[in-house]
Amino acid sequence: MSLRFAVCDDDQDYARYIESLAAHWARAAGTALEVERFPSAQAFLFRYEERRDFDVLLLDIEMDGMDGVALAKAVRRDNDDIQIVFVTGYADYIAQGYEVSALHYLTKPVDPDKLSQVLTRAVGRLRRNAPALTLELPGETVRLPLSAIRYLEVSHNYVTVHAGRDYSVKRPLAELEKGLDSRFFRVGRSFILNLAFVRRASRTEAELTTGERIPLPRGQYEKLNRAIIDRI
């Protein structure tokens, strides 16, 4: 299982320390891990607009600008899958951690063994709970969290699933659609959109938060617009 972590802390020395602990845990667990560090909540949200396939968010609370609790609430509006772990020097926000379904609350200085235990719990919860689409690819099986999928697109006999990367499989779109949930909306015969990524819609196209533009067949605008409104 390959994992993506985000570490968000305006103390970059401490962020690097947390990253090193996470990397050590991953090596011991035999798990492939990619980590990105962010110096502010705003920096994370900018990246999050492009890629939502983070599995774990290790998040400081006291930061300049938007604090960690506000960031967690913003993420939770459309992502119940990501495991949020608060890593902070303050013990006054534990109750607010429950509001965003945080997995755990670690106080600085972080104990390496305690962090390892929490990350192991996070992976276990991901495997049990996170809804995902499983794709059989040549030489590998990929499990994509639904929250990371921007859209699916038909091209000839293949469907391309656009997530952090693009994955093409020779399967009917209708078959893949059965593995999706209510956050997805089918647009004609060629596209299924994740409504959480739709920034705006006109009568001719839908623009995603990544800047990608999806053409809308005649008569689909009203249906898509209604689906967006119903999600709010």
C-alpha atoms as a PDB file:
ATOM      1  CA  MET A   1       0.000   0.000   0.000  1.00  0.00           C
ATOM      2  CA  SER A   2       1.496   3.333  -1.110  1.00  0.00           C
ATOM      3  CA  LEU A   3       0.663   6.318   1.094  1.00  0.00           C
ATOM      4  CA  ARG A   4       0.735  10.109   0.773  1.00  0.00           C
ATOM      5  CA  PHE A   5       1.220  12.248   3.883  1.00  0.00           C
ATOM      6  CA  ALA A   6       0.999  16.000   4.302  1.00  0.00           C
ATOM      7  CA  VAL A   7       2.811  17.788   7.149  1.00  0.00           C
ATOM      8  CA  CYS A   8       1.490  21.297   7.763  1.00  0.00           C
ATOM      9  CA  ASP A   9       3.441  23.355  10.297  1.00  0.00           C
ATOM     10  CA  ASP A  10       4.787  26.907  10.129  1.00  0.00           C
ATOM     11  CA  ASP A  11       7.875  25.724  12.043  1.00  0.00           C
ATOM     12  CA  GLN A  12       9.674  24.120   9.126  1.00  0.00           C
ATOM     13  CA  ASP A  13      12.420  22.625  11.276  1.00  0.00           C
ATOM     14  CA  TYR A  14       9.790  20.739  13.245  1.00  0.00           C
ATOM     15  CA  ALA A  15       7.952  19.807  10.045  1.00  0.00           C
ATOM     16  CA  ARG A  16      11.156  18.209   8.748  1.00  0.00           C
ATOM     17  CA  TYR A  17      11.508  16.358  12.051  1.00  0.00           C
ATOM     18  CA  ILE A  18       7.966  14.954  11.766  1.00  0.00           C
ATOM     19  CA  GLU A  19       8.672  14.001   8.154  1.00  0.00           C
ATOM     20  CA  SER A  20      11.800  12.098   9.237  1.00  0.00           C
ATOM     21  CA  LEU A  21       9.816  10.219  11.910  1.00  0.00           C
ATOM     22  CA  ALA A  22       7.132   9.321   9.361  1.00  0.00           C
ATOM     23  CA  ALA A  23       9.784   8.115   6.901  1.00  0.00           C
ATOM     24  CA  HIS A  24      11.378   5.954   9.608  1.00  0.00           C
ATOM     25  CA  TRP A  25       7.966   4.447  10.434  1.00  0.00           C
ATOM     26  CA  ALA A  26       7.304   3.720   6.748  1.00  0.00           C
ATOM     27  CA  ARG A  27      10.645   1.947   6.282  1.00  0.00           C
ATOM     28  CA  ALA A  28      10.013  -0.207   9.351  1.00  0.00           C
ATOM     29  CA  ALA A  29       6.496  -1.015   8.104  1.00  0.00           C
ATOM     30  CA  GLY A  30       7.683  -1.786   4.555  1.00  0.00           C
ATOM     31  CA  THR A  31       5.343   0.885   3.204  1.00  0.00           C
ATOM     32  CA  ALA A  32       6.007   3.197   0.267  1.00  0.00           C
ATOM     33  CA  LEU A  33       5.527   6.784   1.450  1.00  0.00           C
ATOM     34  CA  GLU A  34       5.445  10.198  -0.191  1.00  0.00           C
ATOM     35  CA  VAL A  35       5.485  13.248   2.108  1.00  0.00           C
ATOM     36  CA  GLU A  36       4.837  16.900   1.259  1.00  0.00           C
ATOM     37  CA  ARG A  37       5.511  19.714   3.729  1.00  0.00           C
ATOM     38  CA  PHE A  38       3.476  22.938   3.891  1.00  0.00           C
ATOM     39  CA  PRO A  39       4.378  26.101   5.867  1.00  0.00           C
ATOM     40  CA  SER A  40       0.777  27.295   6.228  1.00  0.00           C
ATOM     41  CA  ALA A  41      -2.835  26.228   5.956  1.00  0.00           C
ATOM     42  CA  GLN A  42      -3.202  28.371   2.847  1.00  0.00           C
ATOM     43  CA  ALA A  43      -0.290  26.597   1.158  1.00  0.00           C
ATOM     44  CA  PHE A  44      -1.860  23.227   1.868  1.00  0.00           C
ATOM     45  CA  LEU A  45      -5.279  24.294   0.553  1.00  0.00           C
ATOM     46  CA  PHE A  46      -3.700  25.598  -2.666  1.00  0.00           C
ATOM     47  CA  ARG A  47      -2.152  22.173  -3.249  1.00  0.00           C
ATOM     48  CA  TYR A  48      -5.315  20.417  -2.093  1.00  0.00           C
ATOM     49  CA  GLU A  49      -7.276  22.066  -4.894  1.00  0.00           C
ATOM     50  CA  GLU A  50      -5.072  20.140  -7.331  1.00  0.00           C
ATOM     51  CA  ARG A  51      -4.608  16.853  -5.459  1.00  0.00           C
ATOM     52  CA  ARG A  52      -6.856  15.414  -2.768  1.00  0.00           C
ATOM     53  CA  ASP A  53      -5.299  11.995  -2.498  1.00  0.00           C
ATOM     54  CA  PHE A  54      -3.529  12.630   0.799  1.00  0.00           C
ATOM     55  CA  ASP A  55      -4.050   9.759   3.212  1.00  0.00           C
ATOM     56  CA  VAL A  56      -2.821  11.404   6.412  1.00  0.00           C
ATOM     57  CA  LEU A  57      -2.585  15.076   7.413  1.00  0.00           C
ATOM     58  CA  LEU A  58      -0.173  15.800  10.284  1.00  0.00           C
ATOM     59  CA  LEU A  59      -1.307  19.246  11.293  1.00  0.00           C
ATOM     60  CA  ASP A  60      -0.142  21.948  13.684  1.00  0.00           C
ATOM     61  CA  ILE A  61      -2.886  24.084  15.235  1.00  0.00           C
ATOM     62  CA  GLU A  62      -1.283  27.427  16.117  1.00  0.00           C
ATOM     63  CA  MET A  63      -0.214  28.911  12.766  1.00  0.00           C
ATOM     64  CA  ASP A  64      -0.244  32.422  11.341  1.00  0.00           C
ATOM     65  CA  GLY A  65      -3.318  33.136   9.231  1.00  0.00           C
ATOM     66  CA  MET A  66      -5.705  30.202   9.143  1.00  0.00           C
ATOM     67  CA  ASP A  67      -5.178  27.903  12.115  1.00  0.00           C
ATOM     68  CA  GLY A  68      -5.119  24.118  12.003  1.00  0.00           C
ATOM     69  CA  VAL A  69      -8.650  23.628  13.316  1.00  0.00           C
ATOM     70  CA  ALA A  70     -10.087  25.898  10.607  1.00  0.00           C
ATOM     71  CA  LEU A  71      -8.069  24.024   7.987  1.00  0.00           C
ATOM     72  CA  ALA A  72      -9.325  20.664   9.279  1.00  0.00           C
ATOM     73  CA  LYS A  73     -12.928  21.902   9.089  1.00  0.00           C
ATOM     74  CA  ALA A  74     -12.385  23.072   5.497  1.00  0.00           C
ATOM     75  CA  VAL A  75     -10.977  19.689   4.504  1.00  0.00           C
ATOM     76  CA  ARG A  76     -13.770  17.798   6.273  1.00  0.00           C
ATOM     77  CA  ARG A  77     -16.445  19.589   4.233  1.00  0.00           C
ATOM     78  CA  ASP A  78     -15.858  17.165   1.364  1.00  0.00           C
ATOM     79  CA  ASN A  79     -13.371  14.586   2.621  1.00  0.00           C
ATOM     80  CA  ASP A  80     -14.222  12.124   5.373  1.00  0.00           C
ATOM     81  CA  ASP A  81     -11.439   9.762   4.366  1.00  0.00           C
ATOM     82  CA  ILE A  82      -8.220  11.603   5.206  1.00  0.00           C
ATOM     83  CA  GLN A  83      -6.805  10.789   8.642  1.00  0.00           C
ATOM     84  CA  ILE A  84      -6.090  13.992  10.572  1.00  0.00           C
ATOM     85  CA  VAL A  85      -3.496  13.956  13.354  1.00  0.00           C
ATOM     86  CA  PHE A  86      -2.929  17.179  15.283  1.00  0.00           C
ATOM     87  CA  VAL A  87       0.711  17.739  16.242  1.00  0.00           C
ATOM     88  CA  THR A  88       0.986  20.836  18.408  1.00  0.00           C
ATOM     89  CA  GLY A  89       2.520  22.417  21.468  1.00  0.00           C
ATOM     90  CA  TYR A  90      -0.866  23.424  22.839  1.00  0.00           C
ATOM     91  CA  ALA A  91      -3.294  21.248  24.785  1.00  0.00           C
ATOM     92  CA  ASP A  92      -6.247  23.653  24.680  1.00  0.00           C
ATOM     93  CA  TYR A  93      -7.842  22.391  21.472  1.00  0.00           C
ATOM     94  CA  ILE A  94      -8.512  18.728  22.149  1.00  0.00           C
ATOM     95  CA  ALA A  95     -12.301  19.181  22.159  1.00  0.00           C
ATOM     96  CA  GLN A  96     -12.150  20.865  18.734  1.00  0.00           C
ATOM     97  CA  GLY A  97     -10.243  17.882  17.417  1.00  0.00           C
ATOM     98  CA  TYR A  98     -13.302  15.743  18.026  1.00  0.00           C
ATOM     99  CA  GLU A  99     -15.369  18.136  15.898  1.00  0.00           C
ATOM    100  CA  VAL A 100     -13.312  17.251  12.827  1.00  0.00           C
ATOM    101  CA  SER A 101     -12.985  13.537  13.641  1.00  0.00           C
ATOM    102  CA  ALA A 102      -9.262  13.807  14.266  1.00  0.00           C
ATOM    103  CA  LEU A 103      -7.611  10.440  14.725  1.00  0.00           C
ATOM    104  CA  HIS A 104      -5.291  11.619  17.495  1.00  0.00           C
ATOM    105  CA  TYR A 105      -3.769  14.613  19.232  1.00  0.00           C
ATOM    106  CA  LEU A 106       0.003  14.589  19.809  1.00  0.00           C
ATOM    107  CA  THR A 107       1.750  17.271  21.855  1.00  0.00           C
ATOM    108  CA  LYS A 108       5.239  18.523  21.117  1.00  0.00           C
ATOM    109  CA  PRO A 109       7.861  17.261  21.641  1.00  0.00           C
ATOM    110  CA  VAL A 110       6.456  14.259  19.798  1.00  0.00           C
ATOM    111  CA  ASP A 111       7.488  10.840  21.043  1.00  0.00           C
ATOM    112  CA  PRO A 112       8.638   8.764  18.020  1.00  0.00           C
ATOM    113  CA  ASP A 113       7.101   5.558  19.348  1.00  0.00           C
ATOM    114  CA  LYS A 114       3.776   7.266  19.987  1.00  0.00           C
ATOM    115  CA  LEU A 115       3.728   8.718  16.472  1.00  0.00           C
ATOM    116  CA  SER A 116       4.478   5.278  15.031  1.00  0.00           C
ATOM    117  CA  GLN A 117       1.531   3.815  16.920  1.00  0.00           C
ATOM    118  CA  VAL A 118      -0.771   6.567  15.650  1.00  0.00           C
ATOM    119  CA  LEU A 119       0.356   6.132  12.030  1.00  0.00           C
ATOM    120  CA  THR A 120      -0.226   2.381  12.254  1.00  0.00           C
ATOM    121  CA  ARG A 121      -3.752   3.096  13.519  1.00  0.00           C
ATOM    122  CA  ALA A 122      -4.279   5.576  10.683  1.00  0.00           C
ATOM    123  CA  VAL A 123      -3.348   2.997   8.048  1.00  0.00           C
ATOM    124  CA  GLY A 124      -5.607   0.411   9.663  1.00  0.00           C
ATOM    125  CA  ARG A 125      -8.506   2.838   9.591  1.00  0.00           C
ATOM    126  CA  LEU A 126      -7.798   3.733   5.962  1.00  0.00           C
ATOM    127  CA  ARG A 127      -7.869   0.088   4.956  1.00  0.00           C
ATOM    128  CA  ARG A 128     -11.133  -0.551   6.792  1.00  0.00           C
ATOM    129  CA  ASN A 129     -13.138   2.582   6.146  1.00  0.00           C
ATOM    130  CA  ALA A 130     -12.083   4.684   3.197  1.00  0.00           C
ATOM    131  CA  PRO A 131     -14.306   4.096   0.139  1.00  0.00           C
ATOM    132  CA  ALA A 132     -12.096   3.424  -2.839  1.00  0.00           C
ATOM    133  CA  LEU A 133     -12.114   2.305  -6.448  1.00  0.00           C
ATOM    134  CA  THR A 134      -9.897  -0.695  -7.154  1.00  0.00           C
ATOM    135  CA  LEU A 135      -8.240  -0.845 -10.572  1.00  0.00           C
ATOM    136  CA  GLU A 136      -6.474  -3.893 -12.005  1.00  0.00           C
ATOM    137  CA  LEU A 137      -3.550  -2.573 -14.056  1.00  0.00           C
ATOM    138  CA  PRO A 138      -0.739  -4.423 -15.818  1.00  0.00           C
ATOM    139  CA  GLY A 139       1.549  -5.643 -13.068  1.00  0.00           C
ATOM    140  CA  GLU A 140      -0.223  -3.923 -10.191  1.00  0.00           C
ATOM    141  CA  THR A 141      -3.495  -3.317  -8.388  1.00  0.00           C
ATOM    142  CA  VAL A 142      -4.269   0.289  -7.441  1.00  0.00           C
ATOM    143  CA  ARG A 143      -6.773   1.317  -4.779  1.00  0.00           C
ATOM    144  CA  LEU A 144      -7.851   4.938  -5.314  1.00  0.00           C
ATOM    145  CA  PRO A 145      -9.730   6.778  -2.541  1.00  0.00           C
ATOM    146  CA  LEU A 146     -12.930   8.180  -4.043  1.00  0.00           C
ATOM    147  CA  SER A 147     -12.129  11.612  -2.604  1.00  0.00           C
ATOM    148  CA  ALA A 148      -8.978  11.729  -4.786  1.00  0.00           C
ATOM    149  CA  ILE A 149     -10.755  11.041  -8.100  1.00  0.00           C
ATOM    150  CA  ARG A 150     -11.532  14.189 -10.102  1.00  0.00           C
ATOM    151  CA  TYR A 151     -13.339  12.548 -13.013  1.00  0.00           C
ATOM    152  CA  LEU A 152     -13.584   9.482 -15.227  1.00  0.00           C
ATOM    153  CA  GLU A 153     -13.394   9.757 -19.005  1.00  0.00           C
ATOM    154  CA  VAL A 154     -14.208   7.312 -21.788  1.00  0.00           C
ATOM    155  CA  SER A 155     -11.911   7.065 -24.791  1.00  0.00           C
ATOM    156  CA  HIS A 156     -12.642   4.265 -27.271  1.00  0.00           C
ATOM    157  CA  ASN A 157     -12.678   1.038 -25.228  1.00  0.00           C
ATOM    158  CA  TYR A 158     -10.809   2.494 -22.253  1.00  0.00           C
ATOM    159  CA  VAL A 159     -11.760   4.548 -19.223  1.00  0.00           C
ATOM    160  CA  THR A 160      -9.197   6.939 -17.774  1.00  0.00           C
ATOM    161  CA  VAL A 161      -9.545   7.686 -14.079  1.00  0.00           C
ATOM    162  CA  HIS A 162      -8.084  11.105 -13.332  1.00  0.00           C
ATOM    163  CA  ALA A 163      -6.753  11.274  -9.766  1.00  0.00           C
ATOM    164  CA  GLY A 164      -3.281  12.275  -8.577  1.00  0.00           C
ATOM    165  CA  ARG A 165      -2.149  10.369 -11.670  1.00  0.00           C
ATOM    166  CA  ASP A 166      -4.116   9.141 -14.664  1.00  0.00           C
ATOM    167  CA  TYR A 167      -5.010   5.436 -14.788  1.00  0.00           C
ATOM    168  CA  SER A 168      -6.473   3.803 -17.913  1.00  0.00           C
ATOM    169  CA  VAL A 169      -8.340   0.515 -17.767  1.00  0.00           C
ATOM    170  CA  LYS A 170     -10.246  -1.507 -20.356  1.00  0.00           C
ATOM    171  CA  ARG A 171     -13.574  -1.655 -18.534  1.00  0.00           C
ATOM    172  CA  PRO A 172     -17.039  -0.222 -19.249  1.00  0.00           C
ATOM    173  CA  LEU A 173     -17.775   3.115 -17.613  1.00  0.00           C
ATOM    174  CA  ALA A 174     -21.036   1.719 -16.245  1.00  0.00           C
ATOM    175  CA  GLU A 175     -19.115  -1.007 -14.433  1.00  0.00           C
ATOM    176  CA  LEU A 176     -16.771   1.476 -12.773  1.00  0.00           C
ATOM    177  CA  GLU A 177     -19.717   3.714 -11.918  1.00  0.00           C
ATOM    178  CA  LYS A 178     -21.059   0.984  -9.596  1.00  0.00           C
ATOM    179  CA  GLY A 179     -18.019   1.512  -7.373  1.00  0.00           C
ATOM    180  CA  LEU A 180     -18.650   5.247  -6.933  1.00  0.00           C
ATOM    181  CA  ASP A 181     -20.945   7.077  -4.509  1.00  0.00           C
ATOM    182  CA  SER A 182     -23.279  10.079  -4.411  1.00  0.00           C
ATOM    183  CA  ARG A 183     -20.501  12.640  -4.774  1.00  0.00           C
ATOM    184  CA  PHE A 184     -20.161  11.576  -8.442  1.00  0.00           C
ATOM    185  CA  PHE A 185     -22.362  12.753 -11.300  1.00  0.00           C
ATOM    186  CA  ARG A 186     -22.490  11.223 -14.763  1.00  0.00           C
ATOM    187  CA  VAL A 187     -22.343  13.701 -17.649  1.00  0.00           C
ATOM    188  CA  GLY A 188     -23.597  12.049 -20.817  1.00  0.00           C
ATOM    189  CA  ARG A 189     -21.913   8.887 -22.064  1.00  0.00           C
ATOM    190  CA  SER A 190     -18.291   9.943 -21.684  1.00  0.00           C
ATOM    191  CA  PHE A 191     -17.694  11.555 -18.285  1.00  0.00           C
ATOM    192  CA  ILE A 192     -18.375  11.101 -14.582  1.00  0.00           C
ATOM    193  CA  LEU A 193     -17.448  14.086 -12.410  1.00  0.00           C
ATOM    194  CA  ASN A 194     -16.615  14.308  -8.732  1.00  0.00           C
ATOM    195  CA  LEU A 195     -18.840  17.223  -7.703  1.00  0.00           C
ATOM    196  CA  ALA A 196     -16.366  18.261  -4.998  1.00  0.00           C
ATOM    197  CA  PHE A 197     -13.950  19.302  -7.774  1.00  0.00           C
ATOM    198  CA  VAL A 198     -16.440  21.332  -9.839  1.00  0.00           C
ATOM    199  CA  ARG A 199     -15.630  25.039  -9.497  1.00  0.00           C
ATOM    200  CA  ARG A 200     -18.309  26.312 -11.853  1.00  0.00           C
ATOM    201  CA  ALA A 201     -20.573  25.136 -14.662  1.00  0.00           C
ATOM    202  CA  SER A 202     -21.858  26.834 -17.782  1.00  0.00           C
ATOM    203  CA  ARG A 203     -24.158  25.488 -20.455  1.00  0.00           C
ATOM    204  CA  THR A 204     -21.199  24.198 -22.465  1.00  0.00           C
ATOM    205  CA  GLU A 205     -18.618  23.052 -19.906  1.00  0.00           C
ATOM    206  CA  ALA A 206     -17.748  22.359 -16.299  1.00  0.00           C
ATOM    207  CA  GLU A 207     -14.566  23.883 -14.913  1.00  0.00           C
ATOM    208  CA  LEU A 208     -12.774  21.927 -12.182  1.00  0.00           C
ATOM    209  CA  THR A 209     -10.724  23.362  -9.338  1.00  0.00           C
ATOM    210  CA  THR A 210      -7.621  22.174 -11.208  1.00  0.00           C
ATOM    211  CA  GLY A 211      -8.520  24.338 -14.212  1.00  0.00           C
ATOM    212  CA  GLU A 212      -9.524  21.338 -16.338  1.00  0.00           C
ATOM    213  CA  ARG A 213     -12.604  21.888 -18.496  1.00  0.00           C
ATOM    214  CA  ILE A 214     -15.110  19.126 -19.188  1.00  0.00           C
ATOM    215  CA  PRO A 215     -17.516  19.598 -22.143  1.00  0.00           C
ATOM    216  CA  LEU A 216     -21.189  19.304 -21.266  1.00  0.00           C
ATOM    217  CA  PRO A 217     -23.585  17.667 -23.745  1.00  0.00           C
ATOM    218  CA  ARG A 218     -26.826  19.470 -24.540  1.00  0.00           C
ATOM    219  CA  GLY A 219     -29.295  19.322 -21.679  1.00  0.00           C
ATOM    220  CA  GLN A 220     -26.741  18.383 -19.005  1.00  0.00           C
ATOM    221  CA  TYR A 221     -26.180  21.842 -17.494  1.00  0.00           C
ATOM    222  CA  GLU A 222     -29.471  21.959 -15.596  1.00  0.00           C
ATOM    223  CA  LYS A 223     -28.982  18.449 -14.195  1.00  0.00           C
ATOM    224  CA  LEU A 224     -25.402  19.154 -13.147  1.00  0.00           C
ATOM    225  CA  ASN A 225     -26.347  22.487 -11.605  1.00  0.00           C
ATOM    226  CA  ARG A 226     -29.106  20.813  -9.591  1.00  0.00           C
ATOM    227  CA  ALA A 227     -26.709  18.116  -8.390  1.00  0.00           C
ATOM    228  CA  ILE A 228     -24.231  20.777  -7.231  1.00  0.00           C
ATOM    229  CA  ILE A 229     -26.963  22.689  -5.376  1.00  0.00           C
ATOM    230  CA  ASP A 230     -28.251  19.516  -3.722  1.00  0.00           C
ATOM    231  CA  ARG A 231     -24.752  18.829  -2.354  1.00  0.00           C
ATOM    232  CA  ILE A 232     -24.446  22.213  -0.651  1.00  0.00           C
END
